[in-house]
Amino acid sequence: NFVSGNPSHRYLEDEGFSAADLTPVHAEPGDLVLWHVDTIHGSETNRS
């Protein structure tokens, strides 16, 4: 669900991962990203 502020990393930890395992997806307008139904993902706030 949408959250206010940066999301908790608790779920990552429950799954045996950490913030160090997160990879940001860089994309330009028009780029398409595809992923699997079981790929863990999320996003943080816009600080720019």
All heavy atoms as atom14 arrays in JSON, in Angstrom:
{
  "sequence": "NFVSGNPSHRYLEDEGFSAADLTPVHAEPGDLVLWHVDTIHGSETNRS",
  "atom14_mask": [
    [1, 1, 1, 1, 1, 1, 1, 1, 0, 0, 0, 0, 0, 0],
    [1, 1, 1, 1, 1, 1, 1, 1, 1, 1, 1, 0, 0, 0],
    [1, 1, 1, 1, 1, 1, 1, 0, 0, 0, 0, 0, 0, 0],
    [1, 1, 1, 1, 1, 1, 0, 0, 0, 0, 0, 0, 0, 0],
    [1, 1, 1, 1, 0, 0, 0, 0, 0, 0, 0, 0, 0, 0],
    [1, 1, 1, 1, 1, 1, 1, 1, 0, 0, 0, 0, 0, 0],
    [1, 1, 1, 1, 1, 1, 1, 0, 0, 0, 0, 0, 0, 0],
    [1, 1, 1, 1, 1, 1, 0, 0, 0, 0, 0, 0, 0, 0],
    [1, 1, 1, 1, 1, 1, 1, 1, 1, 1, 0, 0, 0, 0],
    [1, 1, 1, 1, 1, 1, 1, 1, 1, 1, 1, 0, 0, 0],
    [1, 1, 1, 1, 1, 1, 1, 1, 1, 1, 1, 1, 0, 0],
    [1, 1, 1, 1, 1, 1, 1, 1, 0, 0, 0, 0, 0, 0],
    [1, 1, 1, 1, 1, 1, 1, 1, 1, 0, 0, 0, 0, 0],
    [1, 1, 1, 1, 1, 1, 1, 1, 0, 0, 0, 0, 0, 0],
    [1, 1, 1, 1, 1, 1, 1, 1, 1, 0, 0, 0, 0, 0],
    [1, 1, 1, 1, 0, 0, 0, 0, 0, 0, 0, 0, 0, 0],
    [1, 1, 1, 1, 1, 1, 1, 1, 1, 1, 1, 0, 0, 0],
    [1, 1, 1, 1, 1, 1, 0, 0, 0, 0, 0, 0, 0, 0],
    [1, 1, 1, 1, 1, 0, 0, 0, 0, 0, 0, 0, 0, 0],
    [1, 1, 1, 1, 1, 0, 0, 0, 0, 0, 0, 0, 0, 0],
    [1, 1, 1, 1, 1, 1, 1, 1, 0, 0, 0, 0, 0, 0],
    [1, 1, 1, 1, 1, 1, 1, 1, 0, 0, 0, 0, 0, 0],
    [1, 1, 1, 1, 1, 1, 1, 0, 0, 0, 0, 0, 0, 0],
    [1, 1, 1, 1, 1, 1, 1, 0, 0, 0, 0, 0, 0, 0],
    [1, 1, 1, 1, 1, 1, 1, 0, 0, 0, 0, 0, 0, 0],
    [1, 1, 1, 1, 1, 1, 1, 1, 1, 1, 0, 0, 0, 0],
    [1, 1, 1, 1, 1, 0, 0, 0, 0, 0, 0, 0, 0, 0],
    [1, 1, 1, 1, 1, 1, 1, 1, 1, 0, 0, 0, 0, 0],
    [1, 1, 1, 1, 1, 1, 1, 0, 0, 0, 0, 0, 0, 0],
    [1, 1, 1, 1, 0, 0, 0, 0, 0, 0, 0, 0, 0, 0],
    [1, 1, 1, 1, 1, 1, 1, 1, 0, 0, 0, 0, 0, 0],
    [1, 1, 1, 1, 1, 1, 1, 1, 0, 0, 0, 0, 0, 0],
    [1, 1, 1, 1, 1, 1, 1, 0, 0, 0, 0, 0, 0, 0],
    [1, 1, 1, 1, 1, 1, 1, 1, 0, 0, 0, 0, 0, 0],
    [1, 1, 1, 1, 1, 1, 1, 1, 1, 1, 1, 1, 1, 1],
    [1, 1, 1, 1, 1, 1, 1, 1, 1, 1, 0, 0, 0, 0],
    [1, 1, 1, 1, 1, 1, 1, 0, 0, 0, 0, 0, 0, 0],
    [1, 1, 1, 1, 1, 1, 1, 1, 0, 0, 0, 0, 0, 0],
    [1, 1, 1, 1, 1, 1, 1, 0, 0, 0, 0, 0, 0, 0],
    [1, 1, 1, 1, 1, 1, 1, 1, 0, 0, 0, 0, 0, 0],
    [1, 1, 1, 1, 1, 1, 1, 1, 1, 1, 0, 0, 0, 0],
    [1, 1, 1, 1, 0, 0, 0, 0, 0, 0, 0, 0, 0, 0],
    [1, 1, 1, 1, 1, 1, 0, 0, 0, 0, 0, 0, 0, 0],
    [1, 1, 1, 1, 1, 1, 1, 1, 1, 0, 0, 0, 0, 0],
    [1, 1, 1, 1, 1, 1, 1, 0, 0, 0, 0, 0, 0, 0],
    [1, 1, 1, 1, 1, 1, 1, 1, 0, 0, 0, 0, 0, 0],
    [1, 1, 1, 1, 1, 1, 1, 1, 1, 1, 1, 0, 0, 0],
    [1, 1, 1, 1, 1, 1, 0, 0, 0, 0, 0, 0, 0, 0]
  ],
  "atom14_positions": [
    [[0.83, -1.2, 0.0], [0.0, 0.0, 0.0], [0.87, 1.25, 0.0], [2.03, 1.23, 0.35], [-0.94, 0.01, 1.21], [-0.2, -0.2, 2.51], [0.61, -1.11, 2.64], [-0.46, 0.65, 3.48], [0.0, 0.0, 0.0], [0.0, 0.0, 0.0], [0.0, 0.0, 0.0], [0.0, 0.0, 0.0], [0.0, 0.0, 0.0], [0.0, 0.0, 0.0]],
    [[0.27, 2.36, -0.41], [0.97, 3.63, -0.41], [1.23, 4.04, 1.03], [0.37, 3.9, 1.9], [0.15, 4.7, -1.14], [-0.23, 4.28, -2.54], [-1.5, 4.52, -3.02], [0.67, 3.63, -3.35], [-1.86, 4.14, -4.3], [0.32, 3.23, -4.64], [-0.95, 3.5, -5.11], [0.0, 0.0, 0.0], [0.0, 0.0, 0.0], [0.0, 0.0, 0.0]],
    [[2.41, 4.56, 1.27], [2.77, 4.94, 2.64], [3.21, 6.4, 2.64], [3.58, 6.96, 1.63], [3.9, 4.05, 3.19], [3.45, 2.61, 3.29], [5.15, 4.13, 2.32], [0.0, 0.0, 0.0], [0.0, 0.0, 0.0], [0.0, 0.0, 0.0], [0.0, 0.0, 0.0], [0.0, 0.0, 0.0], [0.0, 0.0, 0.0], [0.0, 0.0, 0.0]],
    [[3.16, 7.0, 3.82], [3.63, 8.36, 4.0], [5.05, 8.28, 4.52], [5.31, 7.66, 5.55], [2.73, 9.11, 4.97], [3.17, 10.44, 5.11], [0.0, 0.0, 0.0], [0.0, 0.0, 0.0], [0.0, 0.0, 0.0], [0.0, 0.0, 0.0], [0.0, 0.0, 0.0], [0.0, 0.0, 0.0], [0.0, 0.0, 0.0], [0.0, 0.0, 0.0]],
    [[5.97, 8.88, 3.8], [7.37, 8.78, 4.19], [7.98, 7.5, 3.63], [7.32, 6.71, 2.98], [0.0, 0.0, 0.0], [0.0, 0.0, 0.0], [0.0, 0.0, 0.0], [0.0, 0.0, 0.0], [0.0, 0.0, 0.0], [0.0, 0.0, 0.0], [0.0, 0.0, 0.0], [0.0, 0.0, 0.0], [0.0, 0.0, 0.0], [0.0, 0.0, 0.0]],
    [[9.26, 7.31, 3.85], [9.94, 6.14, 3.31], [9.42, 4.86, 3.95], [9.2, 4.81, 5.16], [11.44, 6.28, 3.49], [12.03, 7.3, 2.54], [11.48, 7.55, 1.47], [13.13, 7.92, 2.93], [0.0, 0.0, 0.0], [0.0, 0.0, 0.0], [0.0, 0.0, 0.0], [0.0, 0.0, 0.0], [0.0, 0.0, 0.0], [0.0, 0.0, 0.0]],
    [[9.21, 3.81, 3.14], [8.64, 2.57, 3.68], [9.62, 1.83, 4.58], [10.84, 1.95, 4.46], [8.34, 1.75, 2.42], [9.28, 2.28, 1.39], [9.47, 3.72, 1.7], [0.0, 0.0, 0.0], [0.0, 0.0, 0.0], [0.0, 0.0, 0.0], [0.0, 0.0, 0.0], [0.0, 0.0, 0.0], [0.0, 0.0, 0.0], [0.0, 0.0, 0.0]],
    [[9.05, 1.07, 5.48], [9.85, 0.26, 6.39], [10.57, -0.85, 5.64], [10.07, -1.38, 4.66], [8.93, -0.34, 7.45], [9.59, -1.36, 8.16], [0.0, 0.0, 0.0], [0.0, 0.0, 0.0], [0.0, 0.0, 0.0], [0.0, 0.0, 0.0], [0.0, 0.0, 0.0], [0.0, 0.0, 0.0], [0.0, 0.0, 0.0], [0.0, 0.0, 0.0]],
    [[11.76, -1.2, 6.14], [12.52, -2.31, 5.56], [12.24, -3.62, 6.29], [12.9, -4.62, 6.04], [14.02, -2.0, 5.6], [14.42, -0.94, 4.63], [15.72, -0.52, 4.47], [13.69, -0.18, 3.75], [15.78, 0.42, 3.55], [14.56, 0.64, 3.11], [0.0, 0.0, 0.0], [0.0, 0.0, 0.0], [0.0, 0.0, 0.0], [0.0, 0.0, 0.0]],
    [[11.25, -3.61, 7.17], [10.94, -4.8, 7.95], [10.6, -6.0, 7.07], [11.02, -7.13, 7.33], [9.77, -4.51, 8.92], [9.3, -5.7, 9.73], [10.38, -6.16, 10.69], [10.01, -7.4, 11.34], [9.31, -7.46, 12.47], [8.91, -6.36, 13.08], [9.03, -8.63, 12.99], [0.0, 0.0, 0.0], [0.0, 0.0, 0.0], [0.0, 0.0, 0.0]],
    [[9.82, -5.76, 6.01], [9.46, -6.87, 5.13], [10.71, -7.47, 4.48], [10.82, -8.69, 4.35], [8.46, -6.42, 4.07], [8.11, -7.52, 3.09], [7.38, -8.63, 3.51], [8.52, -7.47, 1.77], [7.08, -9.66, 2.63], [8.22, -8.48, 0.89], [7.49, -9.57, 1.32], [7.2, -10.6, 0.45], [0.0, 0.0, 0.0], [0.0, 0.0, 0.0]],
    [[11.62, -6.62, 4.05], [12.87, -7.11, 3.47], [13.58, -8.04, 4.45], [14.06, -9.12, 4.09], [13.8, -5.95, 3.11], [13.35, -4.99, 2.02], [14.37, -3.86, 1.87], [13.18, -5.72, 0.71], [0.0, 0.0, 0.0], [0.0, 0.0, 0.0], [0.0, 0.0, 0.0], [0.0, 0.0, 0.0], [0.0, 0.0, 0.0], [0.0, 0.0, 0.0]],
    [[13.65, -7.6, 5.7], [14.33, -8.39, 6.73], [13.62, -9.71, 6.97], [14.26, -10.76, 7.11], [14.43, -7.58, 8.02], [15.31, -6.34, 7.87], [15.08, -5.32, 8.97], [14.35, -5.62, 9.94], [15.63, -4.2, 8.84], [0.0, 0.0, 0.0], [0.0, 0.0, 0.0], [0.0, 0.0, 0.0], [0.0, 0.0, 0.0], [0.0, 0.0, 0.0]],
    [[12.29, -9.68, 6.98], [11.51, -10.91, 7.17], [11.78, -11.91, 6.05], [11.68, -13.12, 6.25], [10.01, -10.61, 7.21], [9.59, -9.89, 8.49], [10.4, -9.84, 9.45], [8.46, -9.38, 8.51], [0.0, 0.0, 0.0], [0.0, 0.0, 0.0], [0.0, 0.0, 0.0], [0.0, 0.0, 0.0], [0.0, 0.0, 0.0], [0.0, 0.0, 0.0]],
    [[12.12, -11.4, 4.86], [12.38, -12.26, 3.71], [13.86, -12.62, 3.57], [14.25, -13.26, 2.59], [11.89, -11.57, 2.44], [10.38, -11.49, 2.34], [9.72, -12.85, 2.25], [10.17, -13.68, 1.44], [8.78, -13.1, 3.01], [0.0, 0.0, 0.0], [0.0, 0.0, 0.0], [0.0, 0.0, 0.0], [0.0, 0.0, 0.0], [0.0, 0.0, 0.0]],
    [[14.68, -12.18, 4.52], [16.1, -12.52, 4.48], [16.94, -11.58, 3.64], [18.05, -11.92, 3.23], [0.0, 0.0, 0.0], [0.0, 0.0, 0.0], [0.0, 0.0, 0.0], [0.0, 0.0, 0.0], [0.0, 0.0, 0.0], [0.0, 0.0, 0.0], [0.0, 0.0, 0.0], [0.0, 0.0, 0.0], [0.0, 0.0, 0.0], [0.0, 0.0, 0.0]],
    [[16.42, -10.37, 3.38], [17.15, -9.38, 2.61], [17.39, -8.14, 3.47], [16.88, -8.04, 4.59], [16.38, -8.99, 1.34], [16.14, -10.13, 0.39], [14.89, -10.73, 0.29], [17.17, -10.6, -0.42], [14.66, -11.77, -0.59], [16.95, -11.66, -1.3], [15.7, -12.23, -1.39], [0.0, 0.0, 0.0], [0.0, 0.0, 0.0], [0.0, 0.0, 0.0]],
    [[18.14, -7.2, 2.92], [18.38, -5.94, 3.62], [18.38, -4.81, 2.59], [18.29, -5.05, 1.38], [19.72, -5.97, 4.35], [20.79, -5.95, 3.41], [0.0, 0.0, 0.0], [0.0, 0.0, 0.0], [0.0, 0.0, 0.0], [0.0, 0.0, 0.0], [0.0, 0.0, 0.0], [0.0, 0.0, 0.0], [0.0, 0.0, 0.0], [0.0, 0.0, 0.0]],
    [[18.54, -3.57, 3.09], [18.58, -2.42, 2.19], [19.73, -2.54, 1.19], [19.65, -2.03, 0.07], [18.72, -1.14, 3.01], [0.0, 0.0, 0.0], [0.0, 0.0, 0.0], [0.0, 0.0, 0.0], [0.0, 0.0, 0.0], [0.0, 0.0, 0.0], [0.0, 0.0, 0.0], [0.0, 0.0, 0.0], [0.0, 0.0, 0.0], [0.0, 0.0, 0.0]],
    [[20.79, -3.24, 1.56], [21.93, -3.42, 0.66], [21.58, -4.25, -0.57], [22.28, -4.19, -1.58], [23.08, -4.08, 1.42], [0.0, 0.0, 0.0], [0.0, 0.0, 0.0], [0.0, 0.0, 0.0], [0.0, 0.0, 0.0], [0.0, 0.0, 0.0], [0.0, 0.0, 0.0], [0.0, 0.0, 0.0], [0.0, 0.0, 0.0], [0.0, 0.0, 0.0]],
    [[20.49, -5.02, -0.49], [20.07, -5.85, -1.62], [19.21, -5.09, -2.62], [18.91, -5.61, -3.7], [19.3, -7.07, -1.12], [20.16, -8.0, -0.28], [21.23, -8.4, -0.77], [19.77, -8.29, 0.87], [0.0, 0.0, 0.0], [0.0, 0.0, 0.0], [0.0, 0.0, 0.0], [0.0, 0.0, 0.0], [0.0, 0.0, 0.0], [0.0, 0.0, 0.0]],
    [[18.77, -3.89, -2.26], [17.91, -3.11, -3.15], [18.71, -2.5, -4.3], [19.8, -1.96, -4.09], [17.23, -1.98, -2.37], [16.18, -2.39, -1.35], [15.81, -1.2, -0.47], [14.95, -2.96, -2.04], [0.0, 0.0, 0.0], [0.0, 0.0, 0.0], [0.0, 0.0, 0.0], [0.0, 0.0, 0.0], [0.0, 0.0, 0.0], [0.0, 0.0, 0.0]],
    [[18.16, -2.59, -5.5], [18.77, -1.99, -6.68], [17.8, -0.96, -7.26], [16.67, -1.31, -7.59], [19.07, -3.06, -7.75], [20.03, -3.98, -7.22], [19.62, -2.43, -9.02], [0.0, 0.0, 0.0], [0.0, 0.0, 0.0], [0.0, 0.0, 0.0], [0.0, 0.0, 0.0], [0.0, 0.0, 0.0], [0.0, 0.0, 0.0], [0.0, 0.0, 0.0]],
    [[18.23, 0.31, -7.38], [17.34, 1.3, -8.0], [17.27, 1.08, -9.5], [18.27, 0.72, -10.14], [18.02, 2.64, -7.67], [19.44, 2.31, -7.41], [19.49, 0.89, -6.9], [0.0, 0.0, 0.0], [0.0, 0.0, 0.0], [0.0, 0.0, 0.0], [0.0, 0.0, 0.0], [0.0, 0.0, 0.0], [0.0, 0.0, 0.0], [0.0, 0.0, 0.0]],
    [[16.08, 1.26, -10.06], [15.89, 1.11, -11.5], [16.0, 2.49, -12.13], [15.19, 3.37, -11.87], [14.51, 0.49, -11.82], [14.3, 0.4, -13.32], [14.38, -0.88, -11.17], [0.0, 0.0, 0.0], [0.0, 0.0, 0.0], [0.0, 0.0, 0.0], [0.0, 0.0, 0.0], [0.0, 0.0, 0.0], [0.0, 0.0, 0.0], [0.0, 0.0, 0.0]],
    [[17.03, 2.68, -12.93], [17.21, 3.94, -13.66], [16.46, 3.82, -14.99], [16.57, 2.82, -15.68], [18.69, 4.2, -13.94], [19.5, 4.41, -12.71], [19.87, 5.66, -12.26], [19.99, 3.53, -11.8], [20.57, 5.53, -11.16], [20.66, 4.25, -10.84], [0.0, 0.0, 0.0], [0.0, 0.0, 0.0], [0.0, 0.0, 0.0], [0.0, 0.0, 0.0]],
    [[15.7, 4.85, -15.34], [14.94, 4.79, -16.6], [14.77, 6.19, -17.17], [14.67, 7.17, -16.43], [13.58, 4.16, -16.36], [0.0, 0.0, 0.0], [0.0, 0.0, 0.0], [0.0, 0.0, 0.0], [0.0, 0.0, 0.0], [0.0, 0.0, 0.0], [0.0, 0.0, 0.0], [0.0, 0.0, 0.0], [0.0, 0.0, 0.0], [0.0, 0.0, 0.0]],
    [[14.74, 6.24, -18.49], [14.46, 7.48, -19.22], [13.02, 7.43, -19.73], [12.45, 6.35, -19.86], [15.43, 7.65, -20.39], [16.88, 7.86, -19.95], [17.06, 9.14, -19.15], [16.39, 10.14, -19.47], [17.86, 9.12, -18.19], [0.0, 0.0, 0.0], [0.0, 0.0, 0.0], [0.0, 0.0, 0.0], [0.0, 0.0, 0.0], [0.0, 0.0, 0.0]],
    [[12.41, 8.6, -20.04], [11.05, 8.58, -20.56], [10.9, 7.62, -21.74], [11.72, 7.62, -22.66], [10.83, 10.04, -21.0], [11.71, 10.82, -20.08], [12.93, 9.96, -19.88], [0.0, 0.0, 0.0], [0.0, 0.0, 0.0], [0.0, 0.0, 0.0], [0.0, 0.0, 0.0], [0.0, 0.0, 0.0], [0.0, 0.0, 0.0], [0.0, 0.0, 0.0]],
    [[9.88, 6.77, -21.66], [9.64, 5.78, -22.71], [10.23, 4.42, -22.42], [9.85, 3.43, -23.04], [0.0, 0.0, 0.0], [0.0, 0.0, 0.0], [0.0, 0.0, 0.0], [0.0, 0.0, 0.0], [0.0, 0.0, 0.0], [0.0, 0.0, 0.0], [0.0, 0.0, 0.0], [0.0, 0.0, 0.0], [0.0, 0.0, 0.0], [0.0, 0.0, 0.0]],
    [[11.17, 4.35, -21.47], [11.74, 3.04, -21.09], [10.68, 2.19, -20.42], [9.82, 2.7, -19.69], [12.92, 3.21, -20.13], [14.18, 3.71, -20.82], [14.2, 3.8, -22.06], [15.15, 4.03, -20.09], [0.0, 0.0, 0.0], [0.0, 0.0, 0.0], [0.0, 0.0, 0.0], [0.0, 0.0, 0.0], [0.0, 0.0, 0.0], [0.0, 0.0, 0.0]],
    [[10.74, 0.88, -20.67], [9.79, -0.06, -20.1], [10.51, -1.04, -19.19], [11.55, -1.59, -19.57], [9.06, -0.82, -21.2], [8.0, -1.82, -20.75], [6.78, -1.1, -20.21], [7.6, -2.74, -21.91], [0.0, 0.0, 0.0], [0.0, 0.0, 0.0], [0.0, 0.0, 0.0], [0.0, 0.0, 0.0], [0.0, 0.0, 0.0], [0.0, 0.0, 0.0]],
    [[9.96, -1.25, -18.0], [10.51, -2.19, -17.04], [9.5, -3.33, -16.87], [8.29, -3.07, -16.77], [10.74, -1.5, -15.66], [11.36, -2.48, -14.67], [11.59, -0.26, -15.82], [0.0, 0.0, 0.0], [0.0, 0.0, 0.0], [0.0, 0.0, 0.0], [0.0, 0.0, 0.0], [0.0, 0.0, 0.0], [0.0, 0.0, 0.0], [0.0, 0.0, 0.0]],
    [[9.96, -4.57, -16.88], [9.07, -5.72, -16.65], [9.61, -6.5, -15.46], [10.83, -6.6, -15.29], [9.06, -6.65, -17.88], [8.4, -6.15, -19.15], [9.37, -5.33, -19.98], [7.89, -7.31, -19.96], [0.0, 0.0, 0.0], [0.0, 0.0, 0.0], [0.0, 0.0, 0.0], [0.0, 0.0, 0.0], [0.0, 0.0, 0.0], [0.0, 0.0, 0.0]],
    [[8.69, -7.05, -14.64], [9.15, -7.89, -13.54], [8.15, -8.98, -13.2], [6.99, -8.94, -13.59], [9.53, -7.06, -12.31], [8.43, -6.31, -11.61], [7.67, -6.75, -10.58], [8.03, -4.96, -11.86], [6.8, -5.77, -10.17], [7.01, -4.66, -10.94], [8.43, -3.97, -12.78], [6.38, -3.43, -10.91], [7.8, -2.74, -12.75], [6.78, -2.48, -11.82]],
    [[8.65, -9.95, -12.46], [7.92, -11.16, -12.07], [7.0, -10.86, -10.89], [7.28, -9.98, -10.07], [8.95, -12.23, -11.7], [8.39, -13.6, -11.51], [7.91, -14.03, -10.29], [8.25, -14.64, -12.37], [7.49, -15.28, -10.41], [7.68, -15.67, -11.66], [0.0, 0.0, 0.0], [0.0, 0.0, 0.0], [0.0, 0.0, 0.0], [0.0, 0.0, 0.0]],
    [[5.93, -11.61, -10.77], [4.95, -11.42, -9.71], [5.56, -11.58, -8.31], [5.06, -11.04, -7.34], [3.75, -12.39, -9.9], [4.17, -13.83, -9.65], [2.56, -12.0, -9.03], [0.0, 0.0, 0.0], [0.0, 0.0, 0.0], [0.0, 0.0, 0.0], [0.0, 0.0, 0.0], [0.0, 0.0, 0.0], [0.0, 0.0, 0.0], [0.0, 0.0, 0.0]],
    [[6.69, -12.31, -8.2], [7.31, -12.53, -6.89], [8.57, -11.7, -6.67], [9.3, -11.91, -5.69], [7.63, -14.02, -6.71], [6.37, -14.83, -6.45], [5.5, -14.35, -5.7], [6.24, -15.94, -6.99], [0.0, 0.0, 0.0], [0.0, 0.0, 0.0], [0.0, 0.0, 0.0], [0.0, 0.0, 0.0], [0.0, 0.0, 0.0], [0.0, 0.0, 0.0]],
    [[8.86, -10.76, -7.56], [10.0, -9.87, -7.35], [9.65, -8.84, -6.28], [8.66, -8.13, -6.41], [10.38, -9.14, -8.65], [10.74, -10.11, -9.64], [11.55, -8.19, -8.43], [0.0, 0.0, 0.0], [0.0, 0.0, 0.0], [0.0, 0.0, 0.0], [0.0, 0.0, 0.0], [0.0, 0.0, 0.0], [0.0, 0.0, 0.0], [0.0, 0.0, 0.0]],
    [[10.46, -8.76, -5.24], [10.21, -7.77, -4.17], [10.6, -6.39, -4.7], [11.69, -6.2, -5.24], [11.01, -8.11, -2.91], [10.54, -9.45, -2.33], [10.88, -7.0, -1.87], [11.37, -9.95, -1.15], [0.0, 0.0, 0.0], [0.0, 0.0, 0.0], [0.0, 0.0, 0.0], [0.0, 0.0, 0.0], [0.0, 0.0, 0.0], [0.0, 0.0, 0.0]],
    [[9.7, -5.44, -4.52], [9.95, -4.09, -4.99], [9.14, -3.09, -4.19], [8.24, -3.46, -3.43], [9.63, -3.96, -6.48], [8.18, -4.21, -6.79], [7.62, -5.47, -6.77], [7.17, -3.36, -7.11], [6.33, -5.39, -7.07], [6.04, -4.11, -7.28], [0.0, 0.0, 0.0], [0.0, 0.0, 0.0], [0.0, 0.0, 0.0], [0.0, 0.0, 0.0]],
    [[9.45, -1.83, -4.35], [8.76, -0.73, -3.68], [9.43, 0.55, -4.14], [10.21, 0.56, -5.09], [0.0, 0.0, 0.0], [0.0, 0.0, 0.0], [0.0, 0.0, 0.0], [0.0, 0.0, 0.0], [0.0, 0.0, 0.0], [0.0, 0.0, 0.0], [0.0, 0.0, 0.0], [0.0, 0.0, 0.0], [0.0, 0.0, 0.0], [0.0, 0.0, 0.0]],
    [[9.14, 1.65, -3.47], [9.8, 2.9, -3.82], [9.75, 3.85, -2.64], [8.87, 3.75, -1.78], [9.15, 3.55, -5.04], [7.83, 3.95, -4.75], [0.0, 0.0, 0.0], [0.0, 0.0, 0.0], [0.0, 0.0, 0.0], [0.0, 0.0, 0.0], [0.0, 0.0, 0.0], [0.0, 0.0, 0.0], [0.0, 0.0, 0.0], [0.0, 0.0, 0.0]],
    [[10.71, 4.77, -2.62], [10.78, 5.74, -1.54], [10.29, 7.09, -2.03], [9.79, 7.21, -3.14], [12.22, 5.77, -1.0], [12.6, 4.42, -0.39], [14.02, 4.35, 0.14], [14.84, 5.21, -0.25], [14.31, 3.43, 0.92], [0.0, 0.0, 0.0], [0.0, 0.0, 0.0], [0.0, 0.0, 0.0], [0.0, 0.0, 0.0], [0.0, 0.0, 0.0]],
    [[10.41, 8.11, -1.21], [9.86, 9.42, -1.55], [10.72, 10.14, -2.58], [11.86, 9.78, -2.84], [9.77, 10.3, -0.28], [11.07, 10.39, 0.31], [8.8, 9.69, 0.72], [0.0, 0.0, 0.0], [0.0, 0.0, 0.0], [0.0, 0.0, 0.0], [0.0, 0.0, 0.0], [0.0, 0.0, 0.0], [0.0, 0.0, 0.0], [0.0, 0.0, 0.0]],
    [[10.14, 11.18, -3.15], [10.83, 12.02, -4.13], [11.57, 13.13, -3.38], [10.96, 14.07, -2.88], [9.81, 12.61, -5.11], [10.47, 13.41, -6.22], [11.65, 13.71, -6.18], [9.68, 13.77, -7.22], [0.0, 0.0, 0.0], [0.0, 0.0, 0.0], [0.0, 0.0, 0.0], [0.0, 0.0, 0.0], [0.0, 0.0, 0.0], [0.0, 0.0, 0.0]],
    [[12.9, 13.01, -3.33], [13.71, 14.01, -2.63], [14.32, 15.03, -3.59], [15.13, 15.86, -3.2], [14.85, 13.3, -1.87], [14.37, 12.26, -0.87], [15.52, 11.65, -0.1], [16.6, 11.15, -0.96], [16.66, 9.93, -1.49], [15.69, 9.06, -1.24], [17.67, 9.56, -2.24], [0.0, 0.0, 0.0], [0.0, 0.0, 0.0], [0.0, 0.0, 0.0]],
    [[13.94, 14.95, -4.86], [14.53, 15.82, -5.88], [13.62, 17.01, -6.17], [12.58, 17.19, -5.53], [14.75, 15.03, -7.17], [13.52, 14.83, -7.84], [0.0, 0.0, 0.0], [0.0, 0.0, 0.0], [0.0, 0.0, 0.0], [0.0, 0.0, 0.0], [0.0, 0.0, 0.0], [0.0, 0.0, 0.0], [0.0, 0.0, 0.0], [0.0, 0.0, 0.0]]
  ]
}
